Amino acid sequence: QASSERNFHIFYQICKGASMDERLQWHLPEGAAFFWLPNPERTLEEDCFEVTREAMLHLGIDTPAQNNIFQVLAGLL
């Protein structure tokens, strides 16, 4: 990956959009720097975490399943 590129948007969305309770549940410390998230400066797609959640609900992925998915993704960081 080139130094100016970023990783998948969902990782940035999770880091910027997770609530404090979700961060605790997913073991995702506030303000942590992750090797897999180069160029972490805030951009527009990170404001879309709620849109992503709504899209997942529309696809039939309920909130508990979403939390499981996000916990796995947070674990990858």
Protein backbone atom coordinates (compact mmCIF):
# COMPACT_ATOMS: atom_id res chain seq x y z
CA GLN A 1 0.00 0.00 0.00
CA ALA A 2 1.36 3.39 -0.96
CA SER A 3 2.13 5.76 1.90
CA SER A 4 -0.52 8.24 0.72
CA GLU A 5 -3.31 5.63 0.51
CA ARG A 6 -5.81 4.67 3.16
CA ASN A 7 -7.32 1.34 4.16
CA PHE A 8 -10.97 0.23 3.94
CA HIS A 9 -13.41 2.96 4.99
CA ILE A 10 -15.17 0.78 7.55
CA PHE A 11 -12.07 0.74 9.75
CA TYR A 12 -11.98 4.54 9.84
CA GLN A 13 -15.75 4.65 10.38
CA ILE A 14 -15.47 2.34 13.39
CA CYS A 15 -12.63 4.34 14.92
CA LYS A 16 -14.36 7.69 14.45
CA GLY A 17 -18.01 6.67 14.86
CA ALA A 18 -18.12 4.14 17.69
CA SER A 19 -19.72 5.23 20.94
CA MET A 20 -17.82 4.97 24.21
CA ASP A 21 -19.78 1.83 25.14
CA GLU A 22 -19.01 0.25 21.77
CA ARG A 23 -15.33 1.11 22.16
CA LEU A 24 -15.29 -0.68 25.50
CA GLN A 25 -17.14 -3.69 24.08
CA TRP A 26 -14.86 -3.87 21.03
CA HIS A 27 -11.64 -3.14 23.00
CA LEU A 28 -11.01 -0.10 20.83
CA PRO A 29 -9.26 2.65 22.79
CA GLU A 30 -10.13 6.26 22.04
CA GLY A 31 -7.48 8.02 19.96
CA ALA A 32 -5.33 4.93 19.45
CA ALA A 33 -3.05 4.83 16.43
CA PHE A 34 -3.20 1.64 14.40
CA PHE A 35 -0.61 0.31 11.98
CA TRP A 36 -3.35 -0.74 9.56
CA LEU A 37 -4.84 2.77 9.42
CA PRO A 38 -2.42 5.02 7.59
CA ASN A 39 -3.36 8.66 7.07
CA PRO A 40 -6.03 8.73 9.79
CA GLU A 41 -6.96 12.38 9.33
CA ARG A 42 -10.70 12.83 9.32
CA THR A 43 -12.46 12.67 5.96
CA LEU A 44 -16.05 12.65 4.81
CA GLU A 45 -16.54 8.88 4.54
CA GLU A 46 -15.86 8.53 8.26
CA ASP A 47 -19.02 10.50 8.99
CA CYS A 48 -21.02 7.73 7.32
CA PHE A 49 -20.89 5.13 10.12
CA GLU A 50 -24.60 5.55 10.87
CA VAL A 51 -25.39 5.30 7.15
CA THR A 52 -23.40 2.06 7.04
CA ARG A 53 -25.33 0.73 10.04
CA GLU A 54 -28.66 1.64 8.43
CA ALA A 55 -27.61 -0.06 5.19
CA MET A 56 -26.72 -3.19 7.13
CA LEU A 57 -30.14 -3.15 8.81
CA HIS A 58 -31.75 -2.76 5.39
CA LEU A 59 -29.84 -5.87 4.27
CA GLY A 60 -31.18 -7.82 7.25
CA ILE A 61 -28.11 -7.61 9.46
CA ASP A 62 -29.54 -6.81 12.89
CA THR A 63 -27.80 -4.79 15.58
CA PRO A 64 -26.38 -7.77 17.54
CA ALA A 65 -24.93 -9.23 14.32
CA GLN A 66 -23.51 -5.81 13.42
CA ASN A 67 -21.84 -5.59 16.82
CA ASN A 68 -20.25 -9.00 16.24
CA ILE A 69 -18.98 -7.89 12.84
CA PHE A 70 -17.61 -4.63 14.22
CA GLN A 71 -15.93 -6.43 17.11
CA VAL A 72 -14.14 -8.73 14.67
CA LEU A 73 -13.11 -5.76 12.51
CA ALA A 74 -11.85 -3.88 15.57
CA GLY A 75 -9.87 -6.99 16.51
CA LEU A 76 -8.14 -6.88 13.14
CA LEU A 77 -6.76 -3.46 13.95
